[in-house]
Amino acid sequence: MRKYKKNTILLVDWVDITDHNDWYPEEKAEKKELSKCQSVGYYLNHDNESLRISSTISGNDRSVIVIPMGCVKKVKKLKE
């Protein structure tokens, strides 16, 4: 993944686990998929394990969303 300037606004497509506690026939259970997610946020940083973005910034304080890099499918810079 390329490095972005701090606070660049990104759209991140990523996948997460899916947990279904209902009972399914085996054939249907075998077809269950990952949850497809999208997050928009201000780029903070990333390393080999995680991408960190913030949905809200106030001065030097910020929220943080930590997404495992193995779950990231696509990152798009949004126009500012």
PDB file of N, CA and C in Angstrom:
ATOM      1  N   MET A   1       0.850  -1.187   0.000  1.00  0.00           N
ATOM      2  CA  MET A   1       0.000   0.000   0.000  1.00  0.00           C
ATOM      3  C   MET A   1       0.886   1.237   0.000  1.00  0.00           C
ATOM      4  N   ARG A   2       0.495   2.219  -0.779  1.00  0.00           N
ATOM      5  CA  ARG A   2       1.276   3.458  -0.825  1.00  0.00           C
ATOM      6  C   ARG A   2       1.031   4.291   0.423  1.00  0.00           C
ATOM      7  N   LYS A   3       1.961   5.150   0.736  1.00  0.00           N
ATOM      8  CA  LYS A   3       1.827   6.035   1.883  1.00  0.00           C
ATOM      9  C   LYS A   3       1.091   7.291   1.436  1.00  0.00           C
ATOM     10  N   TYR A   4       0.212   7.784   2.287  1.00  0.00           N
ATOM     11  CA  TYR A   4      -0.534   8.997   2.007  1.00  0.00           C
ATOM     12  C   TYR A   4      -0.101  10.086   2.969  1.00  0.00           C
ATOM     13  N   LYS A   5      -0.324  11.329   2.571  1.00  0.00           N
ATOM     14  CA  LYS A   5      -0.068  12.454   3.454  1.00  0.00           C
ATOM     15  C   LYS A   5      -1.056  12.377   4.622  1.00  0.00           C
ATOM     16  N   LYS A   6      -0.578  12.655   5.832  1.00  0.00           N
ATOM     17  CA  LYS A   6      -1.425  12.615   7.023  1.00  0.00           C
ATOM     18  C   LYS A   6      -2.676  13.457   6.786  1.00  0.00           C
ATOM     19  N   ASN A   7      -3.817  12.903   7.184  1.00  0.00           N
ATOM     20  CA  ASN A   7      -5.144  13.519   7.097  1.00  0.00           C
ATOM     21  C   ASN A   7      -5.735  13.544   5.686  1.00  0.00           C
ATOM     22  N   THR A   8      -5.101  12.850   4.735  1.00  0.00           N
ATOM     23  CA  THR A   8      -5.726  12.661   3.427  1.00  0.00           C
ATOM     24  C   THR A   8      -7.008  11.854   3.641  1.00  0.00           C
ATOM     25  N   ILE A   9      -8.081  12.257   2.996  1.00  0.00           N
ATOM     26  CA  ILE A   9      -9.357  11.561   3.169  1.00  0.00           C
ATOM     27  C   ILE A   9      -9.392  10.346   2.241  1.00  0.00           C
ATOM     28  N   LEU A  10      -9.623   9.163   2.834  1.00  0.00           N
ATOM     29  CA  LEU A  10      -9.606   7.905   2.108  1.00  0.00           C
ATOM     30  C   LEU A  10     -10.938   7.178   2.202  1.00  0.00           C
ATOM     31  N   LEU A  11     -11.249   6.440   1.157  1.00  0.00           N
ATOM     32  CA  LEU A  11     -12.343   5.478   1.156  1.00  0.00           C
ATOM     33  C   LEU A  11     -11.683   4.105   1.157  1.00  0.00           C
ATOM     34  N   VAL A  12     -11.945   3.301   2.190  1.00  0.00           N
ATOM     35  CA  VAL A  12     -11.308   2.001   2.339  1.00  0.00           C
ATOM     36  C   VAL A  12     -12.361   0.902   2.179  1.00  0.00           C
ATOM     37  N   ASP A  13     -12.153   0.026   1.194  1.00  0.00           N
ATOM     38  CA  ASP A  13     -12.974  -1.170   1.030  1.00  0.00           C
ATOM     39  C   ASP A  13     -12.254  -2.303   1.743  1.00  0.00           C
ATOM     40  N   TRP A  14     -12.952  -2.997   2.640  1.00  0.00           N
ATOM     41  CA  TRP A  14     -12.329  -4.076   3.394  1.00  0.00           C
ATOM     42  C   TRP A  14     -13.366  -5.129   3.749  1.00  0.00           C
ATOM     43  N   VAL A  15     -12.898  -6.284   4.170  1.00  0.00           N
ATOM     44  CA  VAL A  15     -13.805  -7.365   4.545  1.00  0.00           C
ATOM     45  C   VAL A  15     -13.639  -7.703   6.018  1.00  0.00           C
ATOM     46  N   ASP A  16     -14.721  -8.204   6.604  1.00  0.00           N
ATOM     47  CA  ASP A  16     -14.734  -8.572   8.020  1.00  0.00           C
ATOM     48  C   ASP A  16     -15.393  -9.948   8.153  1.00  0.00           C
ATOM     49  N   ILE A  17     -15.258 -10.527   9.323  1.00  0.00           N
ATOM     50  CA  ILE A  17     -15.890 -11.817   9.555  1.00  0.00           C
ATOM     51  C   ILE A  17     -17.408 -11.672   9.480  1.00  0.00           C
ATOM     52  N   THR A  18     -18.061 -12.760   9.210  1.00  0.00           N
ATOM     53  CA  THR A  18     -19.516 -12.842   9.254  1.00  0.00           C
ATOM     54  C   THR A  18     -19.856 -13.927  10.266  1.00  0.00           C
ATOM     55  N   ASP A  19     -20.719 -13.603  11.197  1.00  0.00           N
ATOM     56  CA  ASP A  19     -21.101 -14.558  12.233  1.00  0.00           C
ATOM     57  C   ASP A  19     -22.614 -14.735  12.182  1.00  0.00           C
ATOM     58  N   HIS A  20     -23.041 -15.934  11.838  1.00  0.00           N
ATOM     59  CA  HIS A  20     -24.469 -16.249  11.777  1.00  0.00           C
ATOM     60  C   HIS A  20     -24.770 -17.303  12.840  1.00  0.00           C
ATOM     61  N   ASN A  21     -25.632 -16.969  13.757  1.00  0.00           N
ATOM     62  CA  ASN A  21     -25.977 -17.908  14.825  1.00  0.00           C
ATOM     63  C   ASN A  21     -27.221 -18.728  14.507  1.00  0.00           C
ATOM     64  N   ASP A  22     -27.771 -18.536  13.323  1.00  0.00           N
ATOM     65  CA  ASP A  22     -28.926 -19.328  12.902  1.00  0.00           C
ATOM     66  C   ASP A  22     -28.458 -20.703  12.429  1.00  0.00           C
ATOM     67  N   TRP A  23     -29.398 -21.603  12.286  1.00  0.00           N
ATOM     68  CA  TRP A  23     -29.102 -22.932  11.752  1.00  0.00           C
ATOM     69  C   TRP A  23     -29.344 -22.927  10.254  1.00  0.00           C
ATOM     70  N   TYR A  24     -28.386 -23.471   9.484  1.00  0.00           N
ATOM     71  CA  TYR A  24     -28.477 -23.523   8.030  1.00  0.00           C
ATOM     72  C   TYR A  24     -28.195 -24.938   7.558  1.00  0.00           C
ATOM     73  N   PRO A  25     -28.833 -25.344   6.474  1.00  0.00           N
ATOM     74  CA  PRO A  25     -28.419 -26.600   5.842  1.00  0.00           C
ATOM     75  C   PRO A  25     -26.961 -26.441   5.396  1.00  0.00           C
ATOM     76  N   GLU A  26     -26.221 -27.519   5.414  1.00  0.00           N
ATOM     77  CA  GLU A  26     -24.798 -27.475   5.074  1.00  0.00           C
ATOM     78  C   GLU A  26     -24.538 -26.789   3.739  1.00  0.00           C
ATOM     79  N   GLU A  27     -25.369 -27.075   2.724  1.00  0.00           N
ATOM     80  CA  GLU A  27     -25.176 -26.486   1.401  1.00  0.00           C
ATOM     81  C   GLU A  27     -25.267 -24.955   1.447  1.00  0.00           C
ATOM     82  N   LYS A  28     -26.160 -24.435   2.259  1.00  0.00           N
ATOM     83  CA  LYS A  28     -26.320 -22.989   2.381  1.00  0.00           C
ATOM     84  C   LYS A  28     -25.187 -22.388   3.230  1.00  0.00           C
ATOM     85  N   ALA A  29     -24.790 -23.084   4.283  1.00  0.00           N
ATOM     86  CA  ALA A  29     -23.713 -22.610   5.157  1.00  0.00           C
ATOM     87  C   ALA A  29     -22.396 -22.496   4.389  1.00  0.00           C
ATOM     88  N   GLU A  30     -22.170 -23.434   3.465  1.00  0.00           N
ATOM     89  CA  GLU A  30     -20.931 -23.425   2.680  1.00  0.00           C
ATOM     90  C   GLU A  30     -20.821 -22.216   1.756  1.00  0.00           C
ATOM     91  N   LYS A  31     -21.920 -21.515   1.517  1.00  0.00           N
ATOM     92  CA  LYS A  31     -21.925 -20.381   0.599  1.00  0.00           C
ATOM     93  C   LYS A  31     -21.928 -19.019   1.306  1.00  0.00           C
ATOM     94  N   LYS A  32     -21.925 -19.011   2.632  1.00  0.00           N
ATOM     95  CA  LYS A  32     -21.908 -17.740   3.366  1.00  0.00           C
ATOM     96  C   LYS A  32     -20.608 -17.001   3.064  1.00  0.00           C
ATOM     97  N   GLU A  33     -20.695 -15.696   2.916  1.00  0.00           N
ATOM     98  CA  GLU A  33     -19.546 -14.881   2.521  1.00  0.00           C
ATOM     99  C   GLU A  33     -19.107 -13.944   3.636  1.00  0.00           C
ATOM    100  N   LEU A  34     -17.934 -13.344   3.437  1.00  0.00           N
ATOM    101  CA  LEU A  34     -17.444 -12.318   4.344  1.00  0.00           C
ATOM    102  C   LEU A  34     -18.329 -11.081   4.240  1.00  0.00           C
ATOM    103  N   SER A  35     -18.339 -10.262   5.286  1.00  0.00           N
ATOM    104  CA  SER A  35     -19.050  -8.985   5.245  1.00  0.00           C
ATOM    105  C   SER A  35     -18.205  -7.969   4.495  1.00  0.00           C
ATOM    106  N   LYS A  36     -18.779  -7.336   3.499  1.00  0.00           N
ATOM    107  CA  LYS A  36     -18.079  -6.309   2.734  1.00  0.00           C
ATOM    108  C   LYS A  36     -18.330  -4.965   3.408  1.00  0.00           C
ATOM    109  N   CYS A  37     -17.240  -4.279   3.756  1.00  0.00           N
ATOM    110  CA  CYS A  37     -17.322  -3.033   4.520  1.00  0.00           C
ATOM    111  C   CYS A  37     -16.666  -1.888   3.761  1.00  0.00           C
ATOM    112  N   GLN A  38     -17.098  -0.668   4.074  1.00  0.00           N
ATOM    113  CA  GLN A  38     -16.454   0.546   3.581  1.00  0.00           C
ATOM    114  C   GLN A  38     -16.330   1.508   4.740  1.00  0.00           C
ATOM    115  N   SER A  39     -15.171   2.134   4.846  1.00  0.00           N
ATOM    116  CA  SER A  39     -14.948   3.170   5.859  1.00  0.00           C
ATOM    117  C   SER A  39     -14.321   4.375   5.181  1.00  0.00           C
ATOM    118  N   VAL A  40     -14.738   5.565   5.616  1.00  0.00           N
ATOM    119  CA  VAL A  40     -14.161   6.816   5.136  1.00  0.00           C
ATOM    120  C   VAL A  40     -13.484   7.469   6.329  1.00  0.00           C
ATOM    121  N   GLY A  41     -12.263   7.937   6.114  1.00  0.00           N
ATOM    122  CA  GLY A  41     -11.588   8.581   7.232  1.00  0.00           C
ATOM    123  C   GLY A  41     -10.326   9.298   6.820  1.00  0.00           C
ATOM    124  N   TYR A  42      -9.778  10.023   7.786  1.00  0.00           N
ATOM    125  CA  TYR A  42      -8.535  10.757   7.610  1.00  0.00           C
ATOM    126  C   TYR A  42      -7.364   9.808   7.866  1.00  0.00           C
ATOM    127  N   TYR A  43      -6.466   9.678   6.901  1.00  0.00           N
ATOM    128  CA  TYR A  43      -5.307   8.796   7.025  1.00  0.00           C
ATOM    129  C   TYR A  43      -4.438   9.231   8.201  1.00  0.00           C
ATOM    130  N   LEU A  44      -4.074   8.269   9.052  1.00  0.00           N
ATOM    131  CA  LEU A  44      -3.127   8.517  10.138  1.00  0.00           C
ATOM    132  C   LEU A  44      -1.793   7.863   9.794  1.00  0.00           C
ATOM    133  N   ASN A  45      -1.798   6.529   9.621  1.00  0.00           N
ATOM    134  CA  ASN A  45      -0.589   5.809   9.220  1.00  0.00           C
ATOM    135  C   ASN A  45      -0.938   4.368   8.918  1.00  0.00           C
ATOM    136  N   HIS A  46       0.073   3.615   8.497  1.00  0.00           N
ATOM    137  CA  HIS A  46      -0.098   2.179   8.297  1.00  0.00           C
ATOM    138  C   HIS A  46       1.263   1.505   8.447  1.00  0.00           C
ATOM    139  N   ASP A  47       1.216   0.207   8.719  1.00  0.00           N
ATOM    140  CA  ASP A  47       2.419  -0.619   8.759  1.00  0.00           C
ATOM    141  C   ASP A  47       2.058  -1.944   8.101  1.00  0.00           C
ATOM    142  N   ASN A  48       2.887  -2.950   8.250  1.00  0.00           N
ATOM    143  CA  ASN A  48       2.615  -4.237   7.607  1.00  0.00           C
ATOM    144  C   ASN A  48       1.365  -4.914   8.142  1.00  0.00           C
ATOM    145  N   GLU A  49       0.942  -4.558   9.349  1.00  0.00           N
ATOM    146  CA  GLU A  49      -0.202  -5.226   9.983  1.00  0.00           C
ATOM    147  C   GLU A  49      -1.505  -4.456   9.910  1.00  0.00           C
ATOM    148  N   SER A  50      -1.454  -3.117   9.963  1.00  0.00           N
ATOM    149  CA  SER A  50      -2.678  -2.337  10.132  1.00  0.00           C
ATOM    150  C   SER A  50      -2.673  -1.025   9.374  1.00  0.00           C
ATOM    151  N   LEU A  51      -3.880  -0.611   8.970  1.00  0.00           N
ATOM    152  CA  LEU A  51      -4.136   0.718   8.424  1.00  0.00           C
ATOM    153  C   LEU A  51      -4.931   1.474   9.485  1.00  0.00           C
ATOM    154  N   ARG A  52      -4.517   2.712   9.786  1.00  0.00           N
ATOM    155  CA  ARG A  52      -5.200   3.518  10.799  1.00  0.00           C
ATOM    156  C   ARG A  52      -5.763   4.780  10.157  1.00  0.00           C
ATOM    157  N   ILE A  53      -7.076   4.951  10.312  1.00  0.00           N
ATOM    158  CA  ILE A  53      -7.748   6.157   9.848  1.00  0.00           C
ATOM    159  C   ILE A  53      -8.600   6.699  10.989  1.00  0.00           C
ATOM    160  N   SER A  54      -8.999   7.959  10.859  1.00  0.00           N
ATOM    161  CA  SER A  54      -9.832   8.600  11.876  1.00  0.00           C
ATOM    162  C   SER A  54     -11.102   9.128  11.229  1.00  0.00           C
ATOM    163  N   SER A  55     -12.223   8.892  11.875  1.00  0.00           N
ATOM    164  CA  SER A  55     -13.474   9.446  11.356  1.00  0.00           C
ATOM    165  C   SER A  55     -13.684  10.878  11.839  1.00  0.00           C
ATOM    166  N   THR A  56     -13.056  11.232  12.955  1.00  0.00           N
ATOM    167  CA  THR A  56     -13.211  12.569  13.534  1.00  0.00           C
ATOM    168  C   THR A  56     -11.874  13.053  14.068  1.00  0.00           C
ATOM    169  N   ILE A  57     -11.573  14.343  13.821  1.00  0.00           N
ATOM    170  CA  ILE A  57     -10.351  14.964  14.321  1.00  0.00           C
ATOM    171  C   ILE A  57     -10.730  16.256  15.036  1.00  0.00           C
ATOM    172  N   SER A  58     -10.094  16.498  16.192  1.00  0.00           N
ATOM    173  CA  SER A  58     -10.292  17.744  16.935  1.00  0.00           C
ATOM    174  C   SER A  58      -8.935  18.180  17.479  1.00  0.00           C
ATOM    175  N   GLY A  59      -8.314  19.147  16.819  1.00  0.00           N
ATOM    176  CA  GLY A  59      -6.958  19.567  17.206  1.00  0.00           C
ATOM    177  C   GLY A  59      -6.004  18.407  17.004  1.00  0.00           C
ATOM    178  N   ASN A  60      -5.294  18.019  18.075  1.00  0.00           N
ATOM    179  CA  ASN A  60      -4.380  16.881  18.012  1.00  0.00           C
ATOM    180  C   ASN A  60      -5.036  15.582  18.460  1.00  0.00           C
ATOM    181  N   ASP A  61      -6.300  15.632  18.832  1.00  0.00           N
ATOM    182  CA  ASP A  61      -7.024  14.437  19.257  1.00  0.00           C
ATOM    183  C   ASP A  61      -7.810  13.877  18.079  1.00  0.00           C
ATOM    184  N   ARG A  62      -7.999  12.565  18.091  1.00  0.00           N
ATOM    185  CA  ARG A  62      -8.717  11.933  16.987  1.00  0.00           C
ATOM    186  C   ARG A  62      -9.292  10.597  17.419  1.00  0.00           C
ATOM    187  N   SER A  63     -10.348  10.179  16.719  1.00  0.00           N
ATOM    188  CA  SER A  63     -10.832   8.805  16.858  1.00  0.00           C
ATOM    189  C   SER A  63      -9.882   7.942  16.041  1.00  0.00           C
ATOM    190  N   VAL A  64      -9.974   6.626  16.205  1.00  0.00           N
ATOM    191  CA  VAL A  64      -9.101   5.769  15.395  1.00  0.00           C
ATOM    192  C   VAL A  64      -9.831   4.494  15.013  1.00  0.00           C
ATOM    193  N   ILE A  65      -9.722   4.135  13.749  1.00  0.00           N
ATOM    194  CA  ILE A  65     -10.215   2.866  13.221  1.00  0.00           C
ATOM    195  C   ILE A  65      -8.971   2.102  12.777  1.00  0.00           C
ATOM    196  N   VAL A  66      -8.768   0.909  13.311  1.00  0.00           N
ATOM    197  CA  VAL A  66      -7.608   0.094  12.965  1.00  0.00           C
ATOM    198  C   VAL A  66      -8.106  -1.103  12.155  1.00  0.00           C
ATOM    199  N   ILE A  67      -7.684  -1.165  10.897  1.00  0.00           N
ATOM    200  CA  ILE A  67      -8.129  -2.223   9.986  1.00  0.00           C
ATOM    201  C   ILE A  67      -6.934  -3.119   9.672  1.00  0.00           C
ATOM    202  N   PRO A  68      -7.032  -4.427   9.918  1.00  0.00           N
ATOM    203  CA  PRO A  68      -5.925  -5.317   9.554  1.00  0.00           C
ATOM    204  C   PRO A  68      -5.643  -5.240   8.050  1.00  0.00           C
ATOM    205  N   MET A  69      -4.367  -5.149   7.683  1.00  0.00           N
ATOM    206  CA  MET A  69      -3.996  -5.017   6.268  1.00  0.00           C
ATOM    207  C   MET A  69      -4.491  -6.201   5.428  1.00  0.00           C
ATOM    208  N   GLY A  70      -4.560  -7.380   6.023  1.00  0.00           N
ATOM    209  CA  GLY A  70      -5.048  -8.543   5.294  1.00  0.00           C
ATOM    210  C   GLY A  70      -6.516  -8.437   4.923  1.00  0.00           C
ATOM    211  N   CYS A  71      -7.233  -7.530   5.559  1.00  0.00           N
ATOM    212  CA  CYS A  71      -8.659  -7.330   5.276  1.00  0.00           C
ATOM    213  C   CYS A  71      -8.899  -6.218   4.256  1.00  0.00           C
ATOM    214  N   VAL A  72      -7.880  -5.382   4.012  1.00  0.00           N
ATOM    215  CA  VAL A  72      -8.024  -4.246   3.104  1.00  0.00           C
ATOM    216  C   VAL A  72      -8.008  -4.750   1.662  1.00  0.00           C
ATOM    217  N   LYS A  73      -9.041  -4.397   0.912  1.00  0.00           N
ATOM    218  CA  LYS A  73      -9.157  -4.803  -0.493  1.00  0.00           C
ATOM    219  C   LYS A  73      -8.803  -3.670  -1.446  1.00  0.00           C
ATOM    220  N   LYS A  74      -9.155  -2.427  -1.074  1.00  0.00           N
ATOM    221  CA  LYS A  74      -8.935  -1.294  -1.965  1.00  0.00           C
ATOM    222  C   LYS A  74      -8.916  -0.011  -1.141  1.00  0.00           C
ATOM    223  N   VAL A  75      -8.026   0.909  -1.505  1.00  0.00           N
ATOM    224  CA  VAL A  75      -7.964   2.211  -0.865  1.00  0.00           C
ATOM    225  C   VAL A  75      -8.024   3.262  -1.964  1.00  0.00           C
ATOM    226  N   LYS A  76      -8.930   4.224  -1.801  1.00  0.00           N
ATOM    227  CA  LYS A  76      -9.085   5.281  -2.801  1.00  0.00           C
ATOM    228  C   LYS A  76      -8.995   6.638  -2.108  1.00  0.00           C
ATOM    229  N   LYS A  77      -8.139   7.505  -2.639  1.00  0.00           N
ATOM    230  CA  LYS A  77      -8.056   8.874  -2.128  1.00  0.00           C
ATOM    231  C   LYS A  77      -9.264   9.651  -2.631  1.00  0.00           C
ATOM    232  N   LEU A  78      -9.954  10.325  -1.706  1.00  0.00           N
ATOM    233  CA  LEU A  78     -11.099  11.150  -2.090  1.00  0.00           C
ATOM    234  C   LEU A  78     -10.652  12.586  -2.291  1.00  0.00           C
ATOM    235  N   LYS A  79     -11.307  13.295  -3.179  1.00  0.00           N
ATOM    236  CA  LYS A  79     -10.976  14.694  -3.423  1.00  0.00           C
ATOM    237  C   LYS A  79     -11.292  15.516  -2.190  1.00  0.00           C
ATOM    238  N   GLU A  80     -10.427  16.460  -1.909  1.00  0.00           N
ATOM    239  CA  GLU A  80     -10.625  17.314  -0.722  1.00  0.00           C
ATOM    240  C   GLU A  80     -11.317  18.584  -1.096  1.00  0.00           C
TER     241      GLU A  80
END
